[in-house]
Amino acid sequence: MLKRLLGTLLSVVIITSFMSGCRQETSKDQIVLTLWSIATESDAFSNAYAKAIKDFEDANPGVKIVHETFENEAYKTKIKTAVTGNKLPDLFFTWGGGFSKPFVESGKVLAIDKYYTDEYKEQLSEAALTYTTYNGKIYGSTYTTPISALFYNKKIFDENGLKAPTTFDELVQVCDKLIQKGITPIGISAKDTCTCHDP
């Protein structure tokens, strides 16, 4: 069942609006779809992609997925060029938020709201779609669930009579107290911008 694409492949990609025109039909009974991603052999998600593709092809004997992979930085240029030149693959990995916004605004990707049925809502919460939703429409899905954590300097807290906050309001209060004492409350390594990605 083609809808199964959401449960496997769609969890890592966006579908182009030109999908029906771009797909190749190698025979009357087989459809070939091209998938682009950055899951090269050395990538941590390479095996997950391979398994998702195999599971999908096993469940859909009439469909073959051709998976093409690219190095991260080169891919950023390639995907933008493909969008501009109307030479997108049928399915592709991209980053949520601002990076993909121009793809949606140019009408190059397909909204997938009608596929987000109860079956998938049980497996994939609406929160997981935050960065692939634009103007109320869903254009893709995350394939990971990020976990954010804050570490604190116990010595500084002890020296200043502070307890580890357990709520956001408490965190703000602790930060205010540290600022009043001339202590920078939160620091982040932002040399590499990926460190600063929103969760």
N, C-alpha and C. Protein backbone atom coordinates (compact mmCIF):
# COMPACT_ATOMS: atom_id res chain seq x y z
N MET A 1 0.85 -1.18 0.00
CA MET A 1 0.00 0.00 0.00
C MET A 1 0.89 1.24 0.00
N LEU A 2 0.70 2.12 -0.99
CA LEU A 2 1.55 3.29 -1.12
C LEU A 2 1.49 4.21 0.08
N LYS A 3 0.38 4.19 0.79
CA LYS A 3 0.26 5.05 1.96
C LYS A 3 1.34 4.72 2.99
N ARG A 4 1.88 3.51 2.92
CA ARG A 4 2.92 3.08 3.84
C ARG A 4 4.18 3.93 3.71
N LEU A 5 4.28 4.67 2.63
CA LEU A 5 5.43 5.54 2.44
C LEU A 5 5.60 6.48 3.62
N LEU A 6 4.50 6.90 4.20
CA LEU A 6 4.59 7.81 5.34
C LEU A 6 5.22 7.13 6.54
N GLY A 7 4.92 5.88 6.74
CA GLY A 7 5.43 5.19 7.91
C GLY A 7 6.92 4.88 7.84
N THR A 8 7.47 4.86 6.63
CA THR A 8 8.89 4.55 6.49
C THR A 8 9.63 5.70 5.85
N LEU A 9 9.52 5.83 4.56
CA LEU A 9 10.31 6.83 3.86
C LEU A 9 9.90 8.26 4.16
N LEU A 10 8.62 8.52 4.26
CA LEU A 10 8.18 9.90 4.44
C LEU A 10 8.63 10.47 5.76
N SER A 11 8.98 9.61 6.69
CA SER A 11 9.47 10.11 7.96
C SER A 11 10.84 10.75 7.83
N VAL A 12 11.44 10.68 6.66
CA VAL A 12 12.75 11.30 6.48
C VAL A 12 12.82 12.25 5.30
N VAL A 13 11.72 12.44 4.61
CA VAL A 13 11.81 13.20 3.36
C VAL A 13 10.64 14.15 3.16
N ILE A 14 10.76 14.93 2.09
CA ILE A 14 9.66 15.74 1.59
C ILE A 14 9.34 15.23 0.19
N ILE A 15 8.07 15.20 -0.17
CA ILE A 15 7.67 14.77 -1.50
C ILE A 15 7.56 15.98 -2.41
N THR A 16 8.10 15.89 -3.61
CA THR A 16 8.00 17.02 -4.52
C THR A 16 6.65 17.04 -5.19
N SER A 17 6.22 18.24 -5.56
CA SER A 17 4.92 18.37 -6.20
C SER A 17 4.95 17.85 -7.63
N PHE A 18 6.14 17.57 -8.12
CA PHE A 18 6.27 17.05 -9.49
C PHE A 18 6.41 15.54 -9.49
N MET A 19 6.08 14.91 -8.38
CA MET A 19 6.34 13.49 -8.23
C MET A 19 5.77 12.65 -9.37
N SER A 20 4.53 12.90 -9.73
CA SER A 20 3.92 12.08 -10.76
C SER A 20 4.60 12.26 -12.11
N GLY A 21 5.15 13.45 -12.34
CA GLY A 21 5.83 13.69 -13.60
C GLY A 21 7.26 13.22 -13.61
N CYS A 22 7.89 13.14 -12.44
CA CYS A 22 9.30 12.79 -12.36
C CYS A 22 9.55 11.30 -12.24
N ARG A 23 8.61 10.57 -11.70
CA ARG A 23 8.88 9.17 -11.45
C ARG A 23 9.06 8.42 -12.76
N GLN A 24 9.89 7.40 -12.71
CA GLN A 24 10.15 6.59 -13.89
C GLN A 24 9.33 5.31 -13.80
N GLU A 25 8.82 4.88 -14.92
CA GLU A 25 8.13 3.61 -14.97
C GLU A 25 8.95 2.68 -15.84
N THR A 26 9.66 1.73 -15.21
CA THR A 26 10.53 0.85 -15.96
C THR A 26 9.75 -0.25 -16.67
N SER A 27 8.58 -0.51 -16.21
CA SER A 27 7.71 -1.47 -16.87
C SER A 27 6.29 -1.08 -16.52
N LYS A 28 5.36 -1.77 -17.10
CA LYS A 28 3.96 -1.45 -16.86
C LYS A 28 3.60 -1.61 -15.38
N ASP A 29 4.30 -2.51 -14.70
CA ASP A 29 3.94 -2.83 -13.33
C ASP A 29 4.88 -2.25 -12.27
N GLN A 30 5.96 -1.58 -12.68
CA GLN A 30 6.90 -1.08 -11.68
C GLN A 30 7.11 0.43 -11.79
N ILE A 31 7.11 1.08 -10.64
CA ILE A 31 7.38 2.51 -10.55
C ILE A 31 8.71 2.68 -9.84
N VAL A 32 9.56 3.55 -10.37
CA VAL A 32 10.85 3.83 -9.74
C VAL A 32 10.83 5.26 -9.20
N LEU A 33 11.06 5.40 -7.91
CA LEU A 33 11.12 6.72 -7.27
C LEU A 33 12.55 6.99 -6.82
N THR A 34 12.99 8.23 -7.02
CA THR A 34 14.33 8.62 -6.61
C THR A 34 14.28 9.34 -5.27
N LEU A 35 15.16 8.95 -4.36
CA LEU A 35 15.26 9.55 -3.03
C LEU A 35 16.67 10.11 -2.85
N TRP A 36 16.76 11.38 -2.46
CA TRP A 36 18.05 12.00 -2.14
C TRP A 36 18.16 12.18 -0.63
N SER A 37 19.36 11.95 -0.11
CA SER A 37 19.59 12.21 1.32
C SER A 37 21.08 12.41 1.58
N ILE A 38 21.41 12.69 2.83
CA ILE A 38 22.81 12.82 3.25
C ILE A 38 23.24 11.58 4.03
N ALA A 39 22.48 10.51 3.94
CA ALA A 39 22.78 9.28 4.68
C ALA A 39 23.80 8.44 3.91
N THR A 40 25.03 8.97 3.79
CA THR A 40 26.10 8.23 3.14
C THR A 40 26.47 7.02 3.99
N GLU A 41 27.33 6.16 3.47
CA GLU A 41 27.69 4.94 4.20
C GLU A 41 28.25 5.23 5.59
N SER A 42 28.93 6.37 5.73
CA SER A 42 29.52 6.70 7.03
C SER A 42 28.54 7.40 7.97
N ASP A 43 27.35 7.72 7.48
CA ASP A 43 26.36 8.43 8.29
C ASP A 43 25.68 7.47 9.26
N ALA A 44 25.38 7.97 10.45
CA ALA A 44 24.75 7.15 11.49
C ALA A 44 23.38 6.61 11.07
N PHE A 45 22.71 7.30 10.15
CA PHE A 45 21.37 6.89 9.74
C PHE A 45 21.35 6.04 8.47
N SER A 46 22.51 5.71 7.95
CA SER A 46 22.59 4.95 6.70
C SER A 46 21.82 3.64 6.77
N ASN A 47 22.04 2.87 7.83
CA ASN A 47 21.36 1.58 7.96
C ASN A 47 19.86 1.74 8.13
N ALA A 48 19.45 2.80 8.82
CA ALA A 48 18.01 3.04 9.02
C ALA A 48 17.34 3.34 7.69
N TYR A 49 18.00 4.15 6.86
CA TYR A 49 17.46 4.43 5.53
C TYR A 49 17.33 3.14 4.73
N ALA A 50 18.40 2.33 4.73
CA ALA A 50 18.40 1.09 3.95
C ALA A 50 17.27 0.17 4.39
N LYS A 51 17.06 0.08 5.70
CA LYS A 51 15.98 -0.78 6.21
C LYS A 51 14.61 -0.23 5.84
N ALA A 52 14.44 1.09 5.96
CA ALA A 52 13.15 1.69 5.61
C ALA A 52 12.83 1.46 4.14
N ILE A 53 13.83 1.60 3.30
CA ILE A 53 13.62 1.38 1.86
C ILE A 53 13.26 -0.07 1.59
N LYS A 54 14.01 -0.99 2.20
CA LYS A 54 13.72 -2.41 1.99
C LYS A 54 12.32 -2.77 2.49
N ASP A 55 11.97 -2.29 3.68
CA ASP A 55 10.64 -2.58 4.23
C ASP A 55 9.55 -2.06 3.31
N PHE A 56 9.77 -0.85 2.78
CA PHE A 56 8.77 -0.26 1.90
C PHE A 56 8.65 -1.04 0.60
N GLU A 57 9.79 -1.40 0.01
CA GLU A 57 9.76 -2.15 -1.25
C GLU A 57 9.14 -3.53 -1.05
N ASP A 58 9.42 -4.16 0.09
CA ASP A 58 8.81 -5.47 0.37
C ASP A 58 7.29 -5.35 0.50
N ALA A 59 6.83 -4.25 1.08
CA ALA A 59 5.38 -4.04 1.26
C ALA A 59 4.71 -3.56 -0.02
N ASN A 60 5.52 -3.06 -0.97
CA ASN A 60 4.99 -2.51 -2.22
C ASN A 60 5.80 -3.05 -3.39
N PRO A 61 5.54 -4.30 -3.80
CA PRO A 61 6.34 -4.95 -4.85
C PRO A 61 6.41 -4.19 -6.16
N GLY A 62 5.48 -3.32 -6.43
CA GLY A 62 5.47 -2.59 -7.69
C GLY A 62 6.28 -1.30 -7.67
N VAL A 63 6.94 -1.03 -6.54
CA VAL A 63 7.67 0.24 -6.42
C VAL A 63 9.12 -0.03 -6.02
N LYS A 64 10.04 0.66 -6.70
CA LYS A 64 11.46 0.57 -6.36
C LYS A 64 11.96 1.96 -5.98
N ILE A 65 12.74 2.05 -4.91
CA ILE A 65 13.33 3.31 -4.47
C ILE A 65 14.81 3.32 -4.83
N VAL A 66 15.22 4.31 -5.60
CA VAL A 66 16.64 4.50 -5.91
C VAL A 66 17.16 5.58 -4.98
N HIS A 67 18.04 5.19 -4.06
CA HIS A 67 18.53 6.10 -3.02
C HIS A 67 19.89 6.66 -3.42
N GLU A 68 19.96 7.97 -3.63
CA GLU A 68 21.21 8.64 -3.95
C GLU A 68 21.64 9.47 -2.74
N THR A 69 22.90 9.33 -2.33
CA THR A 69 23.38 10.04 -1.14
C THR A 69 24.47 11.04 -1.49
N PHE A 70 24.56 12.09 -0.66
CA PHE A 70 25.50 13.17 -0.90
C PHE A 70 26.09 13.63 0.43
N GLU A 71 27.29 14.19 0.37
CA GLU A 71 27.90 14.76 1.56
C GLU A 71 27.11 16.00 1.98
N ASN A 72 27.06 16.25 3.27
CA ASN A 72 26.23 17.29 3.86
C ASN A 72 26.32 18.65 3.18
N GLU A 73 27.51 19.25 3.13
CA GLU A 73 27.64 20.61 2.59
C GLU A 73 27.35 20.66 1.10
N ALA A 74 27.83 19.67 0.36
CA ALA A 74 27.58 19.63 -1.08
C ALA A 74 26.08 19.49 -1.36
N TYR A 75 25.41 18.76 -0.49
CA TYR A 75 23.98 18.53 -0.67
C TYR A 75 23.17 19.81 -0.54
N LYS A 76 23.58 20.68 0.37
CA LYS A 76 22.85 21.95 0.56
C LYS A 76 22.80 22.74 -0.74
N THR A 77 23.92 22.76 -1.45
CA THR A 77 23.96 23.46 -2.74
C THR A 77 23.16 22.70 -3.79
N LYS A 78 23.33 21.38 -3.81
CA LYS A 78 22.66 20.56 -4.83
C LYS A 78 21.15 20.67 -4.75
N ILE A 79 20.60 20.61 -3.53
CA ILE A 79 19.15 20.64 -3.40
C ILE A 79 18.58 21.99 -3.79
N LYS A 80 19.30 23.07 -3.44
CA LYS A 80 18.85 24.41 -3.82
C LYS A 80 18.87 24.57 -5.34
N THR A 81 19.93 24.05 -5.96
CA THR A 81 20.04 24.12 -7.42
C THR A 81 18.94 23.31 -8.08
N ALA A 82 18.63 22.16 -7.52
CA ALA A 82 17.58 21.30 -8.07
C ALA A 82 16.22 21.97 -7.98
N VAL A 83 15.97 22.68 -6.89
CA VAL A 83 14.70 23.40 -6.73
C VAL A 83 14.60 24.49 -7.79
N THR A 84 15.67 25.27 -7.92
CA THR A 84 15.68 26.37 -8.89
C THR A 84 15.50 25.86 -10.32
N GLY A 85 16.15 24.74 -10.63
CA GLY A 85 16.10 24.22 -11.99
C GLY A 85 14.98 23.23 -12.25
N ASN A 86 14.06 23.07 -11.30
CA ASN A 86 12.95 22.12 -11.44
C ASN A 86 13.45 20.71 -11.75
N LYS A 87 14.53 20.32 -11.08
CA LYS A 87 15.10 18.99 -11.30
C LYS A 87 15.20 18.22 -9.98
N LEU A 88 14.16 18.33 -9.20
CA LEU A 88 14.11 17.65 -7.91
C LEU A 88 13.85 16.16 -8.07
N PRO A 89 14.34 15.36 -7.11
CA PRO A 89 13.96 13.95 -7.10
C PRO A 89 12.52 13.82 -6.60
N ASP A 90 12.01 12.61 -6.60
CA ASP A 90 10.64 12.41 -6.13
C ASP A 90 10.52 12.63 -4.62
N LEU A 91 11.55 12.22 -3.90
CA LEU A 91 11.58 12.33 -2.44
C LEU A 91 12.94 12.88 -2.05
N PHE A 92 12.96 13.73 -1.02
CA PHE A 92 14.28 14.21 -0.60
C PHE A 92 14.31 14.62 0.87
N PHE A 93 15.49 14.40 1.45
CA PHE A 93 15.76 14.86 2.81
C PHE A 93 16.01 16.37 2.75
N THR A 94 15.57 17.07 3.77
CA THR A 94 15.93 18.47 3.91
C THR A 94 15.86 18.85 5.38
N TRP A 95 16.27 20.04 5.68
CA TRP A 95 16.23 20.53 7.05
C TRP A 95 14.94 21.32 7.23
N GLY A 96 14.34 21.23 8.40
CA GLY A 96 13.10 21.95 8.65
C GLY A 96 13.32 23.44 8.82
N GLY A 97 12.23 24.15 8.98
CA GLY A 97 12.32 25.59 9.24
C GLY A 97 12.76 26.40 8.04
N GLY A 98 13.62 27.38 8.30
CA GLY A 98 14.00 28.36 7.29
C GLY A 98 14.64 27.80 6.05
N PHE A 99 15.41 26.71 6.17
CA PHE A 99 16.10 26.17 5.00
C PHE A 99 15.10 25.71 3.94
N SER A 100 14.01 25.09 4.37
CA SER A 100 13.04 24.52 3.44
C SER A 100 11.91 25.46 3.06
N LYS A 101 11.79 26.56 3.76
CA LYS A 101 10.69 27.50 3.51
C LYS A 101 10.61 27.93 2.04
N PRO A 102 11.74 28.29 1.39
CA PRO A 102 11.65 28.70 -0.02
C PRO A 102 11.13 27.59 -0.94
N PHE A 103 11.39 26.33 -0.58
CA PHE A 103 10.90 25.22 -1.40
C PHE A 103 9.38 25.19 -1.40
N VAL A 104 8.82 25.42 -0.21
CA VAL A 104 7.37 25.42 -0.06
C VAL A 104 6.77 26.63 -0.76
N GLU A 105 7.36 27.80 -0.53
CA GLU A 105 6.83 29.04 -1.10
C GLU A 105 6.86 29.03 -2.62
N SER A 106 7.81 28.30 -3.20
CA SER A 106 7.90 28.24 -4.66
C SER A 106 6.98 27.19 -5.25
N GLY A 107 6.26 26.46 -4.38
CA GLY A 107 5.32 25.46 -4.86
C GLY A 107 5.98 24.19 -5.35
N LYS A 108 7.19 23.93 -4.89
CA LYS A 108 7.94 22.78 -5.40
C LYS A 108 7.74 21.50 -4.57
N VAL A 109 7.04 21.61 -3.44
CA VAL A 109 6.82 20.42 -2.62
C VAL A 109 5.33 20.20 -2.37
N LEU A 110 4.99 18.97 -2.10
CA LEU A 110 3.60 18.56 -1.96
C LEU A 110 3.17 18.52 -0.50
N ALA A 111 2.05 19.15 -0.18
CA ALA A 111 1.48 19.05 1.17
C ALA A 111 0.96 17.62 1.37
N ILE A 112 1.20 17.06 2.54
CA ILE A 112 0.85 15.66 2.78
C ILE A 112 -0.20 15.47 3.88
N ASP A 113 -0.94 16.53 4.18
CA ASP A 113 -1.93 16.46 5.27
C ASP A 113 -2.88 15.28 5.14
N LYS A 114 -3.32 14.99 3.94
CA LYS A 114 -4.33 13.93 3.77
C LYS A 114 -3.79 12.54 4.13
N TYR A 115 -2.46 12.42 4.17
CA TYR A 115 -1.87 11.13 4.54
C TYR A 115 -1.65 11.00 6.04
N TYR A 116 -1.77 12.11 6.75
CA TYR A 116 -1.53 12.10 8.20
C TYR A 116 -2.80 11.62 8.90
N THR A 117 -3.06 10.34 8.78
CA THR A 117 -4.28 9.73 9.30
C THR A 117 -4.06 9.27 10.74
N ASP A 118 -5.12 8.76 11.34
CA ASP A 118 -5.04 8.28 12.73
C ASP A 118 -3.94 7.23 12.90
N GLU A 119 -3.73 6.43 11.86
CA GLU A 119 -2.70 5.38 11.92
C GLU A 119 -1.34 5.99 12.23
N TYR A 120 -1.05 7.14 11.62
CA TYR A 120 0.25 7.76 11.82
C TYR A 120 0.27 8.68 13.03
N LYS A 121 -0.88 9.20 13.40
CA LYS A 121 -0.94 10.06 14.58
C LYS A 121 -0.57 9.29 15.84
N GLU A 122 -0.84 7.97 15.83
CA GLU A 122 -0.48 7.14 16.97
C GLU A 122 1.04 6.98 17.07
N GLN A 123 1.72 7.02 15.92
CA GLN A 123 3.16 6.81 15.89
C GLN A 123 3.95 8.11 15.88
N LEU A 124 3.33 9.16 15.40
CA LEU A 124 4.04 10.42 15.18
C LEU A 124 3.18 11.57 15.67
N SER A 125 3.57 12.18 16.77
CA SER A 125 2.77 13.25 17.35
C SER A 125 2.83 14.51 16.51
N GLU A 126 1.86 15.38 16.71
CA GLU A 126 1.83 16.65 15.98
C GLU A 126 3.07 17.48 16.30
N ALA A 127 3.59 17.35 17.51
CA ALA A 127 4.78 18.10 17.90
C ALA A 127 5.97 17.76 17.02
N ALA A 128 6.01 16.54 16.52
CA ALA A 128 7.11 16.11 15.66
C ALA A 128 7.04 16.76 14.28
N LEU A 129 5.93 17.40 13.98
CA LEU A 129 5.75 18.01 12.66
C LEU A 129 5.92 19.52 12.68
N THR A 130 6.31 20.07 13.81
CA THR A 130 6.42 21.52 13.96
C THR A 130 7.27 22.16 12.88
N TYR A 131 8.44 21.57 12.62
CA TYR A 131 9.37 22.20 11.68
C TYR A 131 9.15 21.78 10.23
N THR A 132 8.10 21.01 9.98
CA THR A 132 7.77 20.67 8.60
C THR A 132 6.36 21.14 8.25
N THR A 133 5.81 21.99 9.11
CA THR A 133 4.48 22.56 8.87
C THR A 133 4.63 24.03 8.54
N TYR A 134 3.96 24.46 7.47
CA TYR A 134 4.06 25.85 7.03
C TYR A 134 2.67 26.33 6.64
N ASN A 135 2.25 27.46 7.21
CA ASN A 135 0.90 27.99 6.95
C ASN A 135 -0.18 26.94 7.16
N GLY A 136 0.00 26.14 8.21
CA GLY A 136 -1.02 25.16 8.57
C GLY A 136 -1.01 23.88 7.76
N LYS A 137 -0.07 23.72 6.83
CA LYS A 137 -0.01 22.50 6.02
C LYS A 137 1.29 21.74 6.30
N ILE A 138 1.19 20.41 6.26
CA ILE A 138 2.34 19.55 6.54
C ILE A 138 3.04 19.21 5.23
N TYR A 139 4.36 19.40 5.21
CA TYR A 139 5.13 19.12 3.99
C TYR A 139 6.17 18.02 4.18
N GLY A 140 6.30 17.51 5.37
CA GLY A 140 7.28 16.46 5.61
C GLY A 140 7.16 16.00 7.05
N SER A 141 8.13 15.23 7.48
CA SER A 141 8.09 14.72 8.84
C SER A 141 9.50 14.50 9.35
N THR A 142 9.68 14.67 10.62
CA THR A 142 10.99 14.42 11.21
C THR A 142 11.25 12.92 11.28
N TYR A 143 12.52 12.55 11.25
CA TYR A 143 12.85 11.14 11.40
C TYR A 143 13.63 10.89 12.70
N THR A 144 13.81 11.95 13.47
CA THR A 144 14.40 11.80 14.80
C THR A 144 13.61 12.65 15.78
N THR A 145 13.70 12.32 17.03
CA THR A 145 13.08 13.14 18.07
C THR A 145 14.19 13.69 18.94
N PRO A 146 14.48 14.97 18.80
CA PRO A 146 15.60 15.54 19.57
C PRO A 146 15.29 15.63 21.06
N ILE A 147 16.31 15.47 21.84
CA ILE A 147 16.19 15.63 23.29
C ILE A 147 17.16 16.71 23.71
N SER A 148 16.65 17.73 24.36
CA SER A 148 17.50 18.83 24.80
C SER A 148 17.76 18.71 26.30
N ALA A 149 18.95 19.11 26.71
CA ALA A 149 19.30 19.04 28.13
C ALA A 149 20.14 20.25 28.51
N LEU A 150 19.99 20.69 29.73
CA LEU A 150 20.83 21.75 30.29
C LEU A 150 21.69 21.15 31.39
N PHE A 151 22.97 21.42 31.34
CA PHE A 151 23.87 21.01 32.40
C PHE A 151 24.18 22.24 33.25
N TYR A 152 24.37 22.04 34.54
CA TYR A 152 24.67 23.20 35.37
C TYR A 152 25.95 22.97 36.18
N ASN A 153 26.58 24.08 36.52
CA ASN A 153 27.83 24.05 37.28
C ASN A 153 27.48 24.00 38.77
N LYS A 154 27.58 22.81 39.33
CA LYS A 154 27.17 22.60 40.72
C LYS A 154 27.95 23.50 41.69
N LYS A 155 29.22 23.70 41.39
CA LYS A 155 30.06 24.52 42.26
C LYS A 155 29.52 25.95 42.34
N ILE A 156 29.19 26.52 41.17
CA ILE A 156 28.65 27.89 41.14
C ILE A 156 27.31 27.96 41.87
N PHE A 157 26.47 26.96 41.67
CA PHE A 157 25.18 26.94 42.36
C PHE A 157 25.37 26.87 43.87
N ASP A 158 26.26 25.99 44.31
CA ASP A 158 26.52 25.84 45.75
C ASP A 158 27.07 27.13 46.35
N GLU A 159 28.01 27.75 45.64
CA GLU A 159 28.64 28.98 46.14
C GLU A 159 27.66 30.14 46.24
N ASN A 160 26.59 30.07 45.45
CA ASN A 160 25.63 31.17 45.43
C ASN A 160 24.28 30.79 46.04
N GLY A 161 24.25 29.65 46.74
CA GLY A 161 23.04 29.24 47.44
C GLY A 161 21.86 28.98 46.52
N LEU A 162 22.12 28.44 45.35
CA LEU A 162 21.06 28.18 44.37
C LEU A 162 20.76 26.69 44.26
N LYS A 163 19.50 26.39 43.96
CA LYS A 163 19.09 25.01 43.72
C LYS A 163 18.83 24.83 42.22
N ALA A 164 19.04 23.62 41.75
CA ALA A 164 18.79 23.34 40.33
C ALA A 164 17.31 23.57 40.02
N PRO A 165 17.00 24.38 39.00
CA PRO A 165 15.60 24.66 38.67
C PRO A 165 14.91 23.43 38.09
N THR A 166 13.63 23.32 38.36
CA THR A 166 12.84 22.20 37.82
C THR A 166 11.73 22.68 36.90
N THR A 167 11.55 24.00 36.80
CA THR A 167 10.56 24.57 35.88
C THR A 167 11.22 25.70 35.12
N PHE A 168 10.58 26.14 34.05
CA PHE A 168 11.14 27.24 33.25
C PHE A 168 11.19 28.52 34.07
N ASP A 169 10.14 28.78 34.83
CA ASP A 169 10.12 29.99 35.67
C ASP A 169 11.28 29.99 36.66
N GLU A 170 11.55 28.83 37.25
CA GLU A 170 12.67 28.74 38.19
C GLU A 170 14.00 28.97 37.47
N LEU A 171 14.10 28.49 36.24
CA LEU A 171 15.32 28.70 35.45
C LEU A 171 15.55 30.19 35.22
N VAL A 172 14.49 30.90 34.86
CA VAL A 172 14.60 32.35 34.64
C VAL A 172 15.04 33.05 35.92
N GLN A 173 14.47 32.65 37.03
CA GLN A 173 14.83 33.27 38.32
C GLN A 173 16.30 33.03 38.66
N VAL A 174 16.77 31.81 38.44
CA VAL A 174 18.18 31.48 38.69
C VAL A 174 19.08 32.32 37.80
N CYS A 175 18.71 32.44 36.52
CA CYS A 175 19.50 33.24 35.58
C CYS A 175 19.57 34.69 36.03
N ASP A 176 18.44 35.23 36.46
CA ASP A 176 18.41 36.62 36.94
C ASP A 176 19.36 36.81 38.12
N LYS A 177 19.34 35.87 39.05
CA LYS A 177 20.21 35.97 40.23
C LYS A 177 21.68 35.90 39.85
N LEU A 178 22.01 35.04 38.90
CA LEU A 178 23.40 34.93 38.46
C LEU A 178 23.85 36.19 37.73
N ILE A 179 22.97 36.75 36.92
CA ILE A 179 23.29 37.99 36.20
C ILE A 179 23.57 39.11 37.20
N GLN A 180 22.74 39.19 38.24
CA GLN A 180 22.93 40.22 39.27
C GLN A 180 24.30 40.10 39.95
N LYS A 181 24.84 38.89 39.96
CA LYS A 181 26.15 38.67 40.59
C LYS A 181 27.29 38.76 39.57
N GLY A 182 26.93 39.14 38.33
CA GLY A 182 27.96 39.28 37.29
C GLY A 182 28.41 37.96 36.69
N ILE A 183 27.58 36.94 36.82
CA ILE A 183 27.91 35.61 36.28
C ILE A 183 27.04 35.34 35.06
N THR A 184 27.68 34.96 33.96
CA THR A 184 26.93 34.61 32.75
C THR A 184 26.17 33.31 33.02
N PRO A 185 24.84 33.33 32.93
CA PRO A 185 24.07 32.15 33.34
C PRO A 185 24.07 30.98 32.35
N ILE A 186 24.08 31.28 31.07
CA ILE A 186 24.00 30.22 30.07
C ILE A 186 25.01 30.48 28.97
N GLY A 187 25.73 29.44 28.59
CA GLY A 187 26.69 29.56 27.50
C GLY A 187 26.48 28.44 26.51
N ILE A 188 26.79 28.70 25.25
CA ILE A 188 26.66 27.66 24.22
C ILE A 188 27.78 27.83 23.21
N SER A 189 28.30 26.72 22.76
CA SER A 189 29.32 26.75 21.72
C SER A 189 28.61 26.93 20.39
N ALA A 190 28.80 28.08 19.76
CA ALA A 190 28.07 28.36 18.53
C ALA A 190 28.99 28.54 17.33
N LYS A 191 30.23 28.08 17.45
CA LYS A 191 31.15 28.19 16.31
C LYS A 191 30.58 27.42 15.13
N ASP A 192 30.10 26.21 15.39
CA ASP A 192 29.42 25.43 14.37
C ASP A 192 27.93 25.68 14.54
N THR A 193 27.31 26.25 13.51
CA THR A 193 25.91 26.67 13.65
C THR A 193 24.96 25.53 13.97
N CYS A 194 25.34 24.30 13.60
CA CYS A 194 24.42 23.18 13.88
C CYS A 194 24.21 22.99 15.38
N THR A 195 25.16 23.49 16.19
CA THR A 195 25.01 23.40 17.64
C THR A 195 23.81 24.21 18.11
N CYS A 196 23.46 25.23 17.34
CA CYS A 196 22.40 26.15 17.75
C CYS A 196 21.05 25.83 17.11
N HIS A 197 20.92 24.70 16.44
CA HIS A 197 19.63 24.35 15.85
C HIS A 197 18.56 24.28 16.92
N ASP A 198 17.37 24.75 16.56
CA ASP A 198 16.25 24.59 17.48
C ASP A 198 15.95 23.11 17.61
N PRO A 199 15.51 22.66 18.79
CA PRO A 199 15.14 21.25 18.95
C PRO A 199 13.88 20.95 18.18
